[in-house]
Protein backbone atom coordinates (compact mmCIF):
# COMPACT_ATOMS: atom_id res chain seq x y z
CA UNK A 1 -0.03 0.01 0.04
CA UNK A 2 1.54 3.56 -0.87
CA UNK A 3 0.38 7.03 -0.85
CA UNK A 4 2.32 9.00 -3.41
CA UNK A 5 1.19 12.49 -2.75
CA UNK A 6 3.36 14.98 -0.87
CA UNK A 7 1.51 16.91 1.80
CA UNK A 8 2.20 20.53 1.34
CA UNK A 9 0.55 22.91 3.72
CA UNK A 10 -0.13 26.67 3.47
CA UNK A 11 2.13 28.85 5.84
CA UNK A 12 0.31 32.05 6.29
CA UNK A 13 2.15 35.49 7.68
CA UNK A 14 0.87 38.74 8.05
CA UNK A 15 0.58 40.62 4.78
CA UNK A 16 0.26 37.41 2.66
CA UNK A 17 -1.90 38.09 -0.37
CA UNK A 18 -4.21 35.15 -0.70
CA UNK A 19 -5.43 33.90 -3.84
CA UNK A 20 -7.91 31.24 -5.12
CA UNK A 21 -4.76 29.00 -5.56
CA UNK A 22 -3.73 29.34 -1.99
CA UNK A 23 -7.28 28.39 -0.67
CA UNK A 24 -7.41 25.40 -3.06
CA UNK A 25 -4.03 24.19 -1.89
CA UNK A 26 -5.32 24.42 1.73
CA UNK A 27 -8.15 22.25 0.79
CA UNK A 28 -5.98 19.81 -0.90
CA UNK A 29 -3.81 19.25 2.16
CA UNK A 30 -6.60 18.51 4.47
CA UNK A 31 -8.34 16.19 1.90
CA UNK A 32 -5.07 14.34 1.28
CA UNK A 33 -4.22 13.96 5.06
CA UNK A 34 -7.68 12.44 5.50
CA UNK A 35 -7.18 10.31 2.59
CA UNK A 36 -3.82 9.15 4.05
CA UNK A 37 -5.40 8.36 7.35
CA UNK A 38 -8.37 6.38 5.86
CA UNK A 39 -5.94 4.42 3.56
CA UNK A 40 -3.42 3.39 6.10
CA UNK A 41 -5.60 2.76 8.95
CA UNK A 42 -8.64 1.00 7.16
CA UNK A 43 -7.15 -0.06 3.80
CA UNK A 44 -9.00 0.31 0.54
CA UNK A 45 -12.27 -1.50 -0.73
CA UNK A 46 -15.77 -1.89 0.07
CA UNK A 47 -16.52 -0.83 3.67
CA UNK A 48 -20.31 -1.20 3.96
CA UNK A 49 -22.92 -2.28 1.36
CA UNK A 50 -22.51 -2.13 -2.42
CA UNK A 51 -23.53 -5.60 -3.10
CA UNK A 52 -24.23 -6.26 -6.89
CA UNK A 53 -26.91 -8.31 -8.31
CA UNK A 54 -26.72 -8.83 -12.13
CA UNK A 55 -29.98 -9.14 -13.98
CA UNK A 56 -31.13 -9.80 -17.36
CA UNK A 57 -34.37 -8.11 -18.54
CA UNK A 58 -35.19 -9.29 -22.02
CA UNK A 59 -31.75 -8.36 -24.03
CA UNK A 60 -30.73 -5.76 -21.40
CA UNK A 61 -28.40 -6.48 -18.56
CA UNK A 62 -28.88 -4.47 -15.59
CA UNK A 63 -26.58 -4.18 -12.35
CA UNK A 64 -28.51 -3.63 -9.02
CA UNK A 65 -26.13 -1.90 -6.73
CA UNK A 66 -26.99 -1.49 -3.13
CA UNK A 67 -26.24 1.81 -1.35
CA UNK A 68 -22.84 1.82 0.64
CA UNK A 69 -19.47 3.13 0.98
CA UNK A 70 -15.99 2.47 -0.07
CA UNK A 71 -12.36 3.72 -0.10
CA UNK A 72 -10.25 3.97 -3.23
CA UNK A 73 -6.45 3.04 -3.26
CA UNK A 74 -5.86 6.98 -2.99
CA UNK A 75 -7.76 6.92 0.32
CA UNK A 76 -10.75 8.86 -1.20
CA UNK A 77 -14.06 7.87 0.20
CA UNK A 78 -16.70 7.30 -2.46
CA UNK A 79 -20.53 7.01 -1.40
CA UNK A 80 -23.31 5.58 -3.25
CA UNK A 81 -26.37 7.11 -1.22
CA UNK A 82 -29.10 5.07 -2.65
CA UNK A 83 -29.69 1.70 -4.42
CA UNK A 84 -29.28 1.90 -8.24
CA UNK A 85 -30.04 -0.14 -11.29
CA UNK A 86 -27.29 0.49 -13.78
CA UNK A 87 -28.05 -0.70 -17.50
CA UNK A 88 -24.78 -2.26 -19.05
CA UNK A 89 -23.89 -2.59 -22.37
CA UNK A 90 -22.25 -5.87 -23.38
CA UNK A 91 -18.82 -5.34 -24.37
CA UNK A 92 -18.01 -6.42 -27.93
CA UNK A 93 -14.65 -8.17 -26.84
CA UNK A 94 -15.17 -11.45 -24.65
CA UNK A 95 -13.17 -11.67 -21.36
CA UNK A 96 -13.36 -10.73 -17.80
CA UNK A 97 -14.57 -7.31 -16.76
CA UNK A 98 -14.75 -5.29 -13.52
CA UNK A 99 -17.62 -2.96 -12.38
CA UNK A 100 -16.08 0.09 -10.42
CA UNK A 101 -17.58 2.78 -8.49
CA UNK A 102 -15.64 5.97 -9.47
CA UNK A 103 -15.56 8.86 -7.27
CA UNK A 104 -16.51 11.87 -9.44
CA UNK A 105 -16.85 15.70 -8.71
CA UNK A 106 -18.77 18.41 -10.75
CA UNK A 107 -19.43 22.05 -10.48
CA UNK A 108 -22.66 22.82 -8.56
CA UNK A 109 -24.92 24.82 -10.89
CA UNK A 110 -27.17 26.20 -8.15
CA UNK A 111 -23.87 27.91 -6.35
CA UNK A 112 -23.06 30.58 -9.27
CA UNK A 113 -21.60 33.61 -8.19
CA UNK A 114 -20.39 36.82 -9.81
CA UNK A 115 -16.62 37.51 -10.50
CA UNK A 116 -15.47 40.42 -8.96
CA UNK A 117 -15.28 43.47 -11.35
CA UNK A 118 -16.42 41.36 -14.27
CA UNK A 119 -19.78 40.43 -15.69
CA UNK A 120 -19.04 36.59 -15.49
CA UNK A 121 -20.19 34.25 -13.14
CA UNK A 122 -19.05 31.12 -11.85
CA UNK A 123 -19.86 28.19 -9.77
CA UNK A 124 -18.65 28.39 -6.21
CA UNK A 125 -19.19 25.04 -5.12
CA UNK A 126 -18.33 21.26 -6.05
CA UNK A 127 -20.54 18.49 -5.60
CA UNK A 128 -18.96 15.03 -4.94
CA UNK A 129 -20.58 11.92 -6.22
CA UNK A 130 -19.84 8.34 -7.52
CA UNK A 131 -20.58 6.61 -10.90
CA UNK A 132 -20.45 2.87 -11.64
CA UNK A 133 -18.51 2.04 -14.69
CA UNK A 134 -17.41 -1.34 -16.32
CA UNK A 135 -13.78 -1.86 -17.31
CA UNK A 136 -11.66 -4.83 -18.41
CA UNK A 137 -10.40 -6.55 -15.31
CA UNK A 138 -6.78 -5.96 -16.02
CA UNK A 139 -7.16 -2.36 -15.58
CA UNK A 140 -6.46 -0.80 -12.40
CA UNK A 141 -8.32 2.62 -11.25
CA UNK A 142 -6.86 4.14 -8.11
CA UNK A 143 -9.96 6.52 -8.15
CA UNK A 144 -12.54 3.89 -7.93
CA UNK A 145 -13.46 0.89 -5.87
CA UNK A 146 -13.97 -2.43 -7.37
CA UNK A 147 -17.48 -3.77 -6.70
CA UNK A 148 -17.67 -7.36 -8.74
CA UNK A 149 -16.29 -9.26 -11.63
CA UNK A 150 -18.51 -9.96 -14.62
CA UNK A 151 -17.45 -12.53 -17.24
CA UNK A 152 -18.41 -11.66 -20.91
CA UNK A 153 -18.80 -14.73 -23.37
CA UNK A 154 -20.73 -14.65 -26.89
CA UNK A 155 -22.90 -11.57 -25.78
CA UNK A 156 -23.58 -13.08 -22.38
CA UNK A 157 -22.72 -11.53 -19.16
CA UNK A 158 -22.37 -13.66 -15.97
CA UNK A 159 -21.39 -12.49 -12.48
CA UNK A 160 -18.19 -14.10 -11.25
CA UNK A 161 -18.51 -14.95 -7.57
CA UNK A 162 -15.20 -13.93 -6.47
CA UNK A 163 -13.89 -11.68 -3.75
CA UNK A 164 -13.14 -7.84 -4.15
CA UNK A 165 -11.06 -5.63 -1.87
CA UNK A 166 -12.50 -4.88 1.47
CA UNK A 167 -11.87 -2.14 4.09
CA UNK A 168 -12.39 -1.16 7.70
CA UNK A 169 -14.34 -3.46 9.87
CA UNK A 170 -15.64 -5.43 6.83
CA UNK A 171 -12.11 -6.46 6.05
CA UNK A 172 -11.77 -8.20 9.42
CA UNK A 173 -15.38 -9.21 10.16
CA UNK A 174 -17.14 -10.11 6.79
CA UNK A 175 -16.90 -13.70 5.16
CA UNK A 176 -16.16 -13.82 1.52
CA UNK A 177 -16.42 -16.15 -1.28
CA UNK A 178 -13.08 -17.81 -0.27
CA UNK A 179 -14.09 -19.33 2.83
CA UNK A 180 -16.67 -22.14 1.27
CA UNK A 181 -13.98 -23.21 -1.17
CA UNK A 182 -11.45 -23.68 1.42
CA UNK A 183 -13.93 -25.65 3.80
CA UNK A 184 -14.88 -27.73 0.70
CA UNK A 185 -11.31 -28.47 0.11
CA UNK A 186 -11.02 -29.62 3.77
CA UNK A 187 -14.23 -31.87 3.84
CA UNK A 188 -13.24 -33.59 0.40
CA UNK A 189 -9.84 -34.45 1.41
CA UNK A 190 -11.05 -35.69 4.88
CA UNK A 191 -13.56 -38.04 2.99
CA UNK A 192 -10.64 -39.36 0.62
CA UNK A 193 -8.31 -39.95 3.65
CA UNK A 194 -11.11 -41.44 5.75
CA UNK A 195 -11.80 -44.00 2.68
CA UNK A 196 -8.17 -44.93 2.45
CA UNK A 197 -7.60 -45.34 5.91
CA UNK A 198 -10.38 -48.22 5.60
CA UNK A 199 -7.89 -50.10 3.33
CA UNK A 200 -4.46 -51.78 4.06
CA UNK A 201 -2.76 -49.17 1.72
CA UNK A 202 -1.96 -46.52 4.33
CA UNK A 203 -0.64 -49.02 6.78
CA UNK A 204 2.88 -48.79 5.34
CA UNK A 205 2.76 -45.12 4.52
CA UNK A 206 4.93 -42.48 6.27
CA UNK A 207 3.91 -40.04 8.89
CA UNK A 208 3.10 -37.45 5.99
CA UNK A 209 -0.36 -38.85 5.59
CA UNK A 210 -1.17 -38.24 9.52
CA UNK A 211 0.44 -34.77 9.09
CA UNK A 212 -2.02 -33.76 6.17
CA UNK A 213 -4.95 -35.02 8.21
CA UNK A 214 -3.72 -33.07 11.17
CA UNK A 215 -3.59 -29.96 8.95
CA UNK A 216 -7.10 -30.37 7.76
CA UNK A 217 -8.36 -30.75 11.22
CA UNK A 218 -6.34 -27.63 12.50
CA UNK A 219 -7.50 -25.70 9.46
CA UNK A 220 -11.20 -26.72 10.33
CA UNK A 221 -10.86 -25.46 13.87
CA UNK A 222 -9.40 -22.28 12.46
CA UNK A 223 -12.25 -21.56 10.11
CA UNK A 224 -14.94 -22.21 12.72
CA UNK A 225 -14.52 -18.47 13.89
CA UNK A 226 -16.56 -16.35 12.03
CA UNK A 227 -14.95 -13.22 10.17
CA UNK A 228 -11.98 -15.03 8.87
CA UNK A 229 -10.15 -12.58 6.62
CA UNK A 230 -9.26 -13.05 2.96
CA UNK A 231 -5.67 -12.96 3.82
CA UNK A 232 -5.95 -15.73 6.31
CA UNK A 233 -8.03 -17.89 3.89
CA UNK A 234 -5.43 -17.32 1.16
CA UNK A 235 -2.53 -18.53 3.51
CA UNK A 236 -4.56 -21.42 4.84
CA UNK A 237 -5.27 -22.80 1.32
CA UNK A 238 -1.62 -22.44 0.47
CA UNK A 239 -0.55 -24.48 3.53
CA UNK A 240 -3.19 -27.15 2.71
CA UNK A 241 -1.89 -27.41 -0.74
CA UNK A 242 1.56 -28.03 0.56
CA UNK A 243 0.59 -30.80 3.00
CA UNK A 244 -1.77 -32.44 0.25
CA UNK A 245 1.19 -32.12 -2.38
CA UNK A 246 3.40 -34.00 0.23
CA UNK A 247 0.57 -36.62 0.97
CA UNK A 248 -0.40 -37.40 -2.72
CA UNK A 249 3.18 -37.54 -4.00
CA UNK A 250 4.02 -40.56 -2.04
CA UNK A 251 0.85 -42.29 -2.20
CA UNK A 252 1.30 -45.44 -3.76
CA UNK A 253 -0.25 -46.08 -7.39
CA UNK A 254 -4.19 -46.26 -7.09
CA UNK A 255 -6.65 -45.03 -9.72
CA UNK A 256 -5.76 -42.98 -12.84
CA UNK A 257 -8.00 -40.29 -11.45
CA UNK A 258 -5.95 -39.90 -8.34
CA UNK A 259 -2.54 -39.91 -10.43
CA UNK A 260 -4.10 -37.15 -12.61
CA UNK A 261 -5.20 -34.99 -9.56
CA UNK A 262 -1.54 -35.61 -8.16
CA UNK A 263 -0.33 -33.89 -11.18
CA UNK A 264 -2.89 -31.05 -10.83
CA UNK A 265 -1.94 -30.48 -7.17
CA UNK A 266 1.86 -30.37 -8.14
CA UNK A 267 1.48 -27.45 -10.49
CA UNK A 268 -0.73 -25.62 -7.79
CA UNK A 269 1.86 -26.30 -5.27
CA UNK A 270 4.60 -24.99 -7.47
CA UNK A 271 2.97 -21.62 -7.98
CA UNK A 272 2.00 -20.64 -4.40
CA UNK A 273 2.73 -16.91 -3.89
CA UNK A 274 5.23 -15.89 -1.31
CA UNK A 275 3.77 -14.69 1.97
CA UNK A 276 4.51 -10.98 1.13
CA UNK A 277 2.75 -11.08 -2.31
CA UNK A 278 -0.38 -8.82 -2.86
CA UNK A 279 -3.88 -10.27 -2.30
CA UNK A 280 -4.37 -9.71 -6.18
CA UNK A 281 -1.74 -12.36 -6.69
CA UNK A 282 -2.96 -14.47 -4.09
CA UNK A 283 -6.56 -14.34 -5.72
CA UNK A 284 -5.12 -15.16 -9.27
CA UNK A 285 -3.55 -18.25 -7.57
CA UNK A 286 -6.85 -18.98 -5.58
CA UNK A 287 -8.59 -19.65 -8.87
CA UNK A 288 -6.34 -22.66 -9.59
CA UNK A 289 -6.97 -23.82 -6.03
CA UNK A 290 -10.78 -23.72 -6.86
CA UNK A 291 -10.31 -25.90 -9.83
CA UNK A 292 -9.12 -28.79 -7.70
CA UNK A 293 -12.47 -29.25 -6.14
CA UNK A 294 -14.20 -30.88 -8.90
CA UNK A 295 -11.74 -33.60 -9.53
CA UNK A 296 -11.31 -33.99 -5.83
CA UNK A 297 -15.06 -34.47 -5.43
CA UNK A 298 -15.11 -37.38 -8.12
CA UNK A 299 -12.24 -39.09 -6.41
CA UNK A 300 -14.06 -38.68 -3.11
CA UNK A 301 -17.24 -40.33 -4.88
CA UNK A 302 -15.43 -43.09 -6.42
CA UNK A 303 -13.55 -44.09 -3.19
CA UNK A 304 -16.79 -44.09 -1.33
CA UNK A 305 -18.37 -46.35 -3.91
CA UNK A 306 -15.53 -48.84 -4.26
CA UNK A 307 -13.45 -49.14 -1.22
CA UNK A 308 -14.40 -51.85 1.19
CA UNK A 309 -13.65 -51.75 4.87
CA UNK A 310 -10.72 -53.71 6.04
CA UNK A 311 -11.66 -56.43 8.40
């Protein structure tokens, strides 16, 4: 997290001739000081509300955005005061897009004042507001807050249920889409291990299998508490992949499906981000973690149907 603005405060003295530029600089100093405070104390992202539901009405897509408040990467607060329905034009290029809420400013037409010693009038106030806009997901906008991801393919728009940055209490207290995925990984691997423990296969295995099972149990207890942050969920998923990699790679040859899954988990384990990597980097990796759940579900179902209990 960075704040690139240099704070520059007005230093008044007797006899100083104040200009409009001086007053503007004084406002900018106080605004940027508050923005720095918000950014470093609360982070950037959604603070409250701003949930999005994508609806299709005939051939028109509409994003229903709930009222709420967010902080941009520049520390600027951006508020949507009322629920809005935003018509969305389907982009011509397929791919993943992000719906952003931008901070916007415009002159207040109701605040016109005469300019001294001229016949000109100008607006004396600025109104701050917000505006939702759709942009490609690989673009970054420091003056906006990300609301949701939308996938565009063959003229259709589908909301992608992946987390966006959150700030303030919401960062620490709100659940995200990540947690159910991590819980599914824990649940499915426990079922696989339980089925394998019913056979003679694991009797000759190293302590690694018990380490994996212990890691699953420990993570399950960790995630019982409500309000697990995304950062903790990312790191938990990374640790579980490492333990799973160590377990599946020494597993004696079983089914072709398990052998194929072992290759999948090797690749995912090899790309686990470093602990100091950004949440955006972890999120890209987590999408690979999610792809393991479907083949893992098939393995679990297959083992439950075929493995017989050891007598």
